[in-house]
């Protein structure tokens, strides 16, 4: 992707797998499912393949996991 591309600030659409993701629609970032923060693709390290969600950091990934566990226990 070229930084000078006028569409380079777009939201990317990804398919999250185990240990990798596939770009379905090019863009520069995804949104964290917990915080709503923009996560640049080059900084994306945390996601859940089952829920197809991206997370800005390990903290948000843990929060999402804990929420799912609490919902299952209720």
PDB file of N, CA and C in Angstrom:
ATOM      1  N   UNK A   1       0.830  -1.167   0.000  1.00  0.00           N
ATOM      2  CA  UNK A   1       0.000   0.000   0.000  1.00  0.00           C
ATOM      3  C   UNK A   1       0.879   1.236   0.000  1.00  0.00           C
ATOM      4  N   UNK A   2       0.494   2.216  -0.757  1.00  0.00           N
ATOM      5  CA  UNK A   2       1.235   3.453  -0.861  1.00  0.00           C
ATOM      6  C   UNK A   2       0.674   4.476   0.115  1.00  0.00           C
ATOM      7  N   UNK A   3       1.508   5.100   0.898  1.00  0.00           N
ATOM      8  CA  UNK A   3       1.041   6.094   1.869  1.00  0.00           C
ATOM      9  C   UNK A   3       0.427   7.309   1.186  1.00  0.00           C
ATOM     10  N   UNK A   4       0.736   7.520  -0.071  1.00  0.00           N
ATOM     11  CA  UNK A   4       0.184   8.661  -0.802  1.00  0.00           C
ATOM     12  C   UNK A   4      -1.154   8.336  -1.460  1.00  0.00           C
ATOM     13  N   UNK A   5      -1.569   7.098  -1.389  1.00  0.00           N
ATOM     14  CA  UNK A   5      -2.842   6.673  -1.963  1.00  0.00           C
ATOM     15  C   UNK A   5      -3.980   7.367  -1.228  1.00  0.00           C
ATOM     16  N   UNK A   6      -4.910   8.051  -1.942  1.00  0.00           N
ATOM     17  CA  UNK A   6      -5.988   8.763  -1.256  1.00  0.00           C
ATOM     18  C   UNK A   6      -6.912   7.849  -0.462  1.00  0.00           C
ATOM     19  N   UNK A   7      -6.980   6.580  -0.788  1.00  0.00           N
ATOM     20  CA  UNK A   7      -7.840   5.651  -0.060  1.00  0.00           C
ATOM     21  C   UNK A   7      -7.077   4.882   1.008  1.00  0.00           C
ATOM     22  N   UNK A   8      -5.836   5.260   1.263  1.00  0.00           N
ATOM     23  CA  UNK A   8      -4.996   4.495   2.177  1.00  0.00           C
ATOM     24  C   UNK A   8      -5.410   4.649   3.643  1.00  0.00           C
ATOM     25  N   UNK A   9      -6.315   5.560   3.941  1.00  0.00           N
ATOM     26  CA  UNK A   9      -6.766   5.738   5.322  1.00  0.00           C
ATOM     27  C   UNK A   9      -8.049   4.953   5.590  1.00  0.00           C
ATOM     28  N   UNK A  10      -8.434   4.094   4.680  1.00  0.00           N
ATOM     29  CA  UNK A  10      -9.674   3.332   4.798  1.00  0.00           C
ATOM     30  C   UNK A  10      -9.574   2.214   5.834  1.00  0.00           C
ATOM     31  N   UNK A  11     -10.727   1.844   6.306  1.00  0.00           N
ATOM     32  CA  UNK A  11     -10.866   0.704   7.192  1.00  0.00           C
ATOM     33  C   UNK A  11     -10.675  -0.578   6.381  1.00  0.00           C
ATOM     34  N   UNK A  12      -9.799  -1.437   6.836  1.00  0.00           N
ATOM     35  CA  UNK A  12      -9.568  -2.725   6.172  1.00  0.00           C
ATOM     36  C   UNK A  12     -10.581  -3.746   6.679  1.00  0.00           C
ATOM     37  N   UNK A  13     -10.885  -4.723   5.859  1.00  0.00           N
ATOM     38  CA  UNK A  13     -11.722  -5.845   6.264  1.00  0.00           C
ATOM     39  C   UNK A  13     -10.852  -7.094   6.159  1.00  0.00           C
ATOM     40  N   UNK A  14     -10.762  -7.827   7.264  1.00  0.00           N
ATOM     41  CA  UNK A  14      -9.879  -8.985   7.336  1.00  0.00           C
ATOM     42  C   UNK A  14     -10.659 -10.235   7.685  1.00  0.00           C
ATOM     43  N   UNK A  15     -10.084 -11.375   7.319  1.00  0.00           N
ATOM     44  CA  UNK A  15     -10.561 -12.666   7.818  1.00  0.00           C
ATOM     45  C   UNK A  15      -9.463 -13.175   8.734  1.00  0.00           C
ATOM     46  N   UNK A  16      -9.820 -13.379  10.014  1.00  0.00           N
ATOM     47  CA  UNK A  16      -8.842 -13.769  11.015  1.00  0.00           C
ATOM     48  C   UNK A  16      -8.766 -15.283  11.120  1.00  0.00           C
ATOM     49  N   UNK A  17      -7.562 -15.800  10.993  1.00  0.00           N
ATOM     50  CA  UNK A  17      -7.330 -17.227  11.151  1.00  0.00           C
ATOM     51  C   UNK A  17      -6.468 -17.465  12.380  1.00  0.00           C
ATOM     52  N   UNK A  18      -6.045 -18.694  12.543  1.00  0.00           N
ATOM     53  CA  UNK A  18      -5.170 -19.052  13.664  1.00  0.00           C
ATOM     54  C   UNK A  18      -3.741 -18.659  13.308  1.00  0.00           C
ATOM     55  N   UNK A  19      -3.280 -17.554  13.866  1.00  0.00           N
ATOM     56  CA  UNK A  19      -1.906 -17.120  13.645  1.00  0.00           C
ATOM     57  C   UNK A  19      -1.685 -16.271  12.416  1.00  0.00           C
ATOM     58  N   UNK A  20      -2.722 -16.010  11.653  1.00  0.00           N
ATOM     59  CA  UNK A  20      -2.578 -15.168  10.466  1.00  0.00           C
ATOM     60  C   UNK A  20      -3.924 -14.575  10.100  1.00  0.00           C
ATOM     61  N   UNK A  21      -3.895 -13.545   9.278  1.00  0.00           N
ATOM     62  CA  UNK A  21      -5.134 -12.976   8.775  1.00  0.00           C
ATOM     63  C   UNK A  21      -4.997 -12.733   7.284  1.00  0.00           C
ATOM     64  N   UNK A  22      -6.136 -12.669   6.616  1.00  0.00           N
ATOM     65  CA  UNK A  22      -6.182 -12.423   5.182  1.00  0.00           C
ATOM     66  C   UNK A  22      -6.917 -11.113   4.962  1.00  0.00           C
ATOM     67  N   UNK A  23      -6.339 -10.246   4.161  1.00  0.00           N
ATOM     68  CA  UNK A  23      -6.966  -8.967   3.852  1.00  0.00           C
ATOM     69  C   UNK A  23      -8.032  -9.192   2.784  1.00  0.00           C
ATOM     70  N   UNK A  24      -9.282  -8.951   3.158  1.00  0.00           N
ATOM     71  CA  UNK A  24     -10.398  -9.107   2.234  1.00  0.00           C
ATOM     72  C   UNK A  24     -10.676  -7.796   1.489  1.00  0.00           C
ATOM     73  N   UNK A  25     -10.509  -6.675   2.172  1.00  0.00           N
ATOM     74  CA  UNK A  25     -10.629  -5.345   1.577  1.00  0.00           C
ATOM     75  C   UNK A  25      -9.454  -4.533   2.080  1.00  0.00           C
ATOM     76  N   UNK A  26      -8.611  -4.059   1.202  1.00  0.00           N
ATOM     77  CA  UNK A  26      -7.429  -3.310   1.627  1.00  0.00           C
ATOM     78  C   UNK A  26      -7.797  -2.053   2.415  1.00  0.00           C
ATOM     79  N   UNK A  27      -6.947  -1.719   3.326  1.00  0.00           N
ATOM     80  CA  UNK A  27      -7.080  -0.521   4.136  1.00  0.00           C
ATOM     81  C   UNK A  27      -5.866  -0.414   5.029  1.00  0.00           C
ATOM     82  N   UNK A  28      -5.846   0.616   5.844  1.00  0.00           N
ATOM     83  CA  UNK A  28      -4.669   0.828   6.696  1.00  0.00           C
ATOM     84  C   UNK A  28      -4.879   0.378   8.123  1.00  0.00           C
ATOM     85  N   UNK A  29      -6.135   0.213   8.548  1.00  0.00           N
ATOM     86  CA  UNK A  29      -6.385  -0.126   9.938  1.00  0.00           C
ATOM     87  C   UNK A  29      -7.653  -0.955  10.094  1.00  0.00           C
ATOM     88  N   UNK A  30      -7.806  -1.554  11.276  1.00  0.00           N
ATOM     89  CA  UNK A  30      -9.049  -2.199  11.705  1.00  0.00           C
ATOM     90  C   UNK A  30      -9.428  -1.541  13.029  1.00  0.00           C
ATOM     91  N   UNK A  31     -10.637  -1.791  13.477  1.00  0.00           N
ATOM     92  CA  UNK A  31     -11.099  -1.232  14.742  1.00  0.00           C
ATOM     93  C   UNK A  31     -11.060  -2.286  15.833  1.00  0.00           C
ATOM     94  N   UNK A  32     -10.577  -1.892  17.001  1.00  0.00           N
ATOM     95  CA  UNK A  32     -10.571  -2.787  18.155  1.00  0.00           C
ATOM     96  C   UNK A  32     -12.013  -3.049  18.574  1.00  0.00           C
ATOM     97  N   UNK A  33     -12.362  -4.314  18.760  1.00  0.00           N
ATOM     98  CA  UNK A  33     -13.725  -4.698  19.131  1.00  0.00           C
ATOM     99  C   UNK A  33     -14.096  -4.243  20.532  1.00  0.00           C
ATOM    100  N   UNK A  34     -13.125  -3.980  21.389  1.00  0.00           N
ATOM    101  CA  UNK A  34     -13.396  -3.580  22.768  1.00  0.00           C
ATOM    102  C   UNK A  34     -13.365  -2.060  22.926  1.00  0.00           C
ATOM    103  N   UNK A  35     -12.299  -1.438  22.462  1.00  0.00           N
ATOM    104  CA  UNK A  35     -12.107  -0.004  22.693  1.00  0.00           C
ATOM    105  C   UNK A  35     -12.563   0.874  21.537  1.00  0.00           C
ATOM    106  N   UNK A  36     -12.682   0.302  20.346  1.00  0.00           N
ATOM    107  CA  UNK A  36     -13.030   1.091  19.173  1.00  0.00           C
ATOM    108  C   UNK A  36     -11.851   1.850  18.587  1.00  0.00           C
ATOM    109  N   UNK A  37     -10.658   1.677  19.179  1.00  0.00           N
ATOM    110  CA  UNK A  37      -9.458   2.358  18.672  1.00  0.00           C
ATOM    111  C   UNK A  37      -9.045   1.806  17.323  1.00  0.00           C
ATOM    112  N   UNK A  38      -8.438   2.658  16.516  1.00  0.00           N
ATOM    113  CA  UNK A  38      -7.860   2.231  15.249  1.00  0.00           C
ATOM    114  C   UNK A  38      -6.581   1.454  15.516  1.00  0.00           C
ATOM    115  N   UNK A  39      -6.446   0.321  14.858  1.00  0.00           N
ATOM    116  CA  UNK A  39      -5.239  -0.497  14.979  1.00  0.00           C
ATOM    117  C   UNK A  39      -4.635  -0.616  13.582  1.00  0.00           C
ATOM    118  N   UNK A  40      -3.496   0.029  13.339  1.00  0.00           N
ATOM    119  CA  UNK A  40      -2.854  -0.097  12.029  1.00  0.00           C
ATOM    120  C   UNK A  40      -2.527  -1.565  11.747  1.00  0.00           C
ATOM    121  N   UNK A  41      -2.692  -1.987  10.503  1.00  0.00           N
ATOM    122  CA  UNK A  41      -2.443  -3.398  10.177  1.00  0.00           C
ATOM    123  C   UNK A  41      -1.044  -3.840  10.568  1.00  0.00           C
ATOM    124  N   UNK A  42      -0.061  -2.959  10.423  1.00  0.00           N
ATOM    125  CA  UNK A  42       1.310  -3.358  10.761  1.00  0.00           C
ATOM    126  C   UNK A  42       1.500  -3.536  12.265  1.00  0.00           C
ATOM    127  N   UNK A  43       0.566  -3.031  13.075  1.00  0.00           N
ATOM    128  CA  UNK A  43       0.651  -3.177  14.531  1.00  0.00           C
ATOM    129  C   UNK A  43      -0.317  -4.230  15.070  1.00  0.00           C
ATOM    130  N   UNK A  44      -1.125  -4.826  14.212  1.00  0.00           N
ATOM    131  CA  UNK A  44      -2.128  -5.792  14.652  1.00  0.00           C
ATOM    132  C   UNK A  44      -1.466  -7.089  15.105  1.00  0.00           C
ATOM    133  N   UNK A  45      -1.628  -7.412  16.377  1.00  0.00           N
ATOM    134  CA  UNK A  45      -1.038  -8.622  16.952  1.00  0.00           C
ATOM    135  C   UNK A  45      -2.069  -9.495  17.660  1.00  0.00           C
ATOM    136  N   UNK A  46      -3.229  -8.938  17.969  1.00  0.00           N
ATOM    137  CA  UNK A  46      -4.215  -9.662  18.770  1.00  0.00           C
ATOM    138  C   UNK A  46      -5.556  -9.700  18.052  1.00  0.00           C
ATOM    139  N   UNK A  47      -6.095 -10.915  17.896  1.00  0.00           N
ATOM    140  CA  UNK A  47      -7.417 -11.101  17.315  1.00  0.00           C
ATOM    141  C   UNK A  47      -7.947 -12.448  17.753  1.00  0.00           C
ATOM    142  N   UNK A  48      -9.236 -12.653  17.494  1.00  0.00           N
ATOM    143  CA  UNK A  48      -9.876 -13.925  17.825  1.00  0.00           C
ATOM    144  C   UNK A  48     -10.477 -14.483  16.544  1.00  0.00           C
ATOM    145  N   UNK A  49      -9.980 -15.623  16.118  1.00  0.00           N
ATOM    146  CA  UNK A  49     -10.464 -16.241  14.876  1.00  0.00           C
ATOM    147  C   UNK A  49     -11.907 -16.716  15.010  1.00  0.00           C
ATOM    148  N   UNK A  50     -12.294 -17.154  16.200  1.00  0.00           N
ATOM    149  CA  UNK A  50     -13.649 -17.658  16.410  1.00  0.00           C
ATOM    150  C   UNK A  50     -14.688 -16.543  16.289  1.00  0.00           C
ATOM    151  N   UNK A  51     -14.414 -15.406  16.901  1.00  0.00           N
ATOM    152  CA  UNK A  51     -15.375 -14.300  16.885  1.00  0.00           C
ATOM    153  C   UNK A  51     -15.110 -13.308  15.756  1.00  0.00           C
ATOM    154  N   UNK A  52     -13.962 -13.464  15.069  1.00  0.00           N
ATOM    155  CA  UNK A  52     -13.564 -12.564  13.990  1.00  0.00           C
ATOM    156  C   UNK A  52     -13.477 -11.125  14.483  1.00  0.00           C
ATOM    157  N   UNK A  53     -12.807 -10.953  15.634  1.00  0.00           N
ATOM    158  CA  UNK A  53     -12.627  -9.637  16.229  1.00  0.00           C
ATOM    159  C   UNK A  53     -11.142  -9.317  16.364  1.00  0.00           C
ATOM    160  N   UNK A  54     -10.827  -8.032  16.180  1.00  0.00           N
ATOM    161  CA  UNK A  54      -9.464  -7.538  16.377  1.00  0.00           C
ATOM    162  C   UNK A  54      -9.398  -6.789  17.698  1.00  0.00           C
ATOM    163  N   UNK A  55      -8.193  -6.769  18.302  1.00  0.00           N
ATOM    164  CA  UNK A  55      -7.985  -6.084  19.568  1.00  0.00           C
ATOM    165  C   UNK A  55      -6.730  -5.229  19.487  1.00  0.00           C
ATOM    166  N   UNK A  56      -6.777  -4.078  20.135  1.00  0.00           N
ATOM    167  CA  UNK A  56      -5.652  -3.140  20.097  1.00  0.00           C
ATOM    168  C   UNK A  56      -4.452  -3.645  20.895  1.00  0.00           C
ATOM    169  N   UNK A  57      -4.715  -4.432  21.945  1.00  0.00           N
ATOM    170  CA  UNK A  57      -3.614  -4.922  22.775  1.00  0.00           C
ATOM    171  C   UNK A  57      -4.050  -6.182  23.510  1.00  0.00           C
ATOM    172  N   UNK A  58      -3.130  -6.740  24.254  1.00  0.00           N
ATOM    173  CA  UNK A  58      -3.440  -7.923  25.047  1.00  0.00           C
ATOM    174  C   UNK A  58      -4.490  -7.605  26.111  1.00  0.00           C
ATOM    175  N   UNK A  59      -4.498  -6.386  26.595  1.00  0.00           N
ATOM    176  CA  UNK A  59      -5.475  -5.982  27.612  1.00  0.00           C
ATOM    177  C   UNK A  59      -6.901  -6.100  27.068  1.00  0.00           C
ATOM    178  N   UNK A  60      -7.138  -5.574  25.880  1.00  0.00           N
ATOM    179  CA  UNK A  60      -8.470  -5.658  25.270  1.00  0.00           C
ATOM    180  C   UNK A  60      -8.825  -7.099  24.914  1.00  0.00           C
ATOM    181  N   UNK A  61      -7.856  -7.874  24.456  1.00  0.00           N
ATOM    182  CA  UNK A  61      -8.113  -9.278  24.134  1.00  0.00           C
ATOM    183  C   UNK A  61      -8.538 -10.037  25.391  1.00  0.00           C
ATOM    184  N   UNK A  62      -7.875  -9.772  26.509  1.00  0.00           N
ATOM    185  CA  UNK A  62      -8.236 -10.407  27.770  1.00  0.00           C
ATOM    186  C   UNK A  62      -9.626  -9.975  28.230  1.00  0.00           C
ATOM    187  N   UNK A  63      -9.936  -8.700  28.094  1.00  0.00           N
ATOM    188  CA  UNK A  63     -11.267  -8.206  28.474  1.00  0.00           C
ATOM    189  C   UNK A  63     -12.356  -8.911  27.669  1.00  0.00           C
ATOM    190  N   UNK A  64     -12.144  -9.064  26.375  1.00  0.00           N
ATOM    191  CA  UNK A  64     -13.138  -9.730  25.523  1.00  0.00           C
ATOM    192  C   UNK A  64     -13.290 -11.192  25.941  1.00  0.00           C
ATOM    193  N   UNK A  65     -12.173 -11.862  26.203  1.00  0.00           N
ATOM    194  CA  UNK A  65     -12.220 -13.259  26.611  1.00  0.00           C
ATOM    195  C   UNK A  65     -12.964 -13.413  27.939  1.00  0.00           C
ATOM    196  N   UNK A  66     -12.657 -12.532  28.892  1.00  0.00           N
ATOM    197  CA  UNK A  66     -13.329 -12.587  30.185  1.00  0.00           C
ATOM    198  C   UNK A  66     -14.837 -12.339  30.049  1.00  0.00           C
ATOM    199  N   UNK A  67     -15.209 -11.421  29.185  1.00  0.00           N
ATOM    200  CA  UNK A  67     -16.647 -11.147  28.952  1.00  0.00           C
ATOM    201  C   UNK A  67     -17.344 -12.371  28.379  1.00  0.00           C
ATOM    202  N   UNK A  68     -16.693 -13.043  27.448  1.00  0.00           N
ATOM    203  CA  UNK A  68     -17.281 -14.250  26.858  1.00  0.00           C
ATOM    204  C   UNK A  68     -17.424 -15.366  27.909  1.00  0.00           C
ATOM    205  N   UNK A  69     -16.402 -15.501  28.761  1.00  0.00           N
ATOM    206  CA  UNK A  69     -16.458 -16.520  29.807  1.00  0.00           C
ATOM    207  C   UNK A  69     -17.567 -16.230  30.799  1.00  0.00           C
ATOM    208  N   UNK A  70     -17.723 -14.981  31.181  1.00  0.00           N
ATOM    209  CA  UNK A  70     -18.775 -14.589  32.112  1.00  0.00           C
ATOM    210  C   UNK A  70     -20.154 -14.842  31.501  1.00  0.00           C
ATOM    211  N   UNK A  71     -20.307 -14.568  30.218  1.00  0.00           N
ATOM    212  CA  UNK A  71     -21.585 -14.779  29.541  1.00  0.00           C
ATOM    213  C   UNK A  71     -21.916 -16.267  29.468  1.00  0.00           C
ATOM    214  N   UNK A  72     -20.909 -17.087  29.270  1.00  0.00           N
ATOM    215  CA  UNK A  72     -21.128 -18.539  29.214  1.00  0.00           C
ATOM    216  C   UNK A  72     -21.487 -19.117  30.577  1.00  0.00           C
ATOM    217  N   UNK A  73     -20.963 -18.486  31.635  1.00  0.00           N
ATOM    218  CA  UNK A  73     -21.224 -18.977  32.997  1.00  0.00           C
ATOM    219  C   UNK A  73     -22.597 -18.567  33.516  1.00  0.00           C
ATOM    220  N   UNK A  74     -23.142 -17.520  32.929  1.00  0.00           N
ATOM    221  CA  UNK A  74     -24.439 -17.001  33.422  1.00  0.00           C
ATOM    222  C   UNK A  74     -25.605 -17.854  33.015  1.00  0.00           C
TER     223      UNK A  74
END
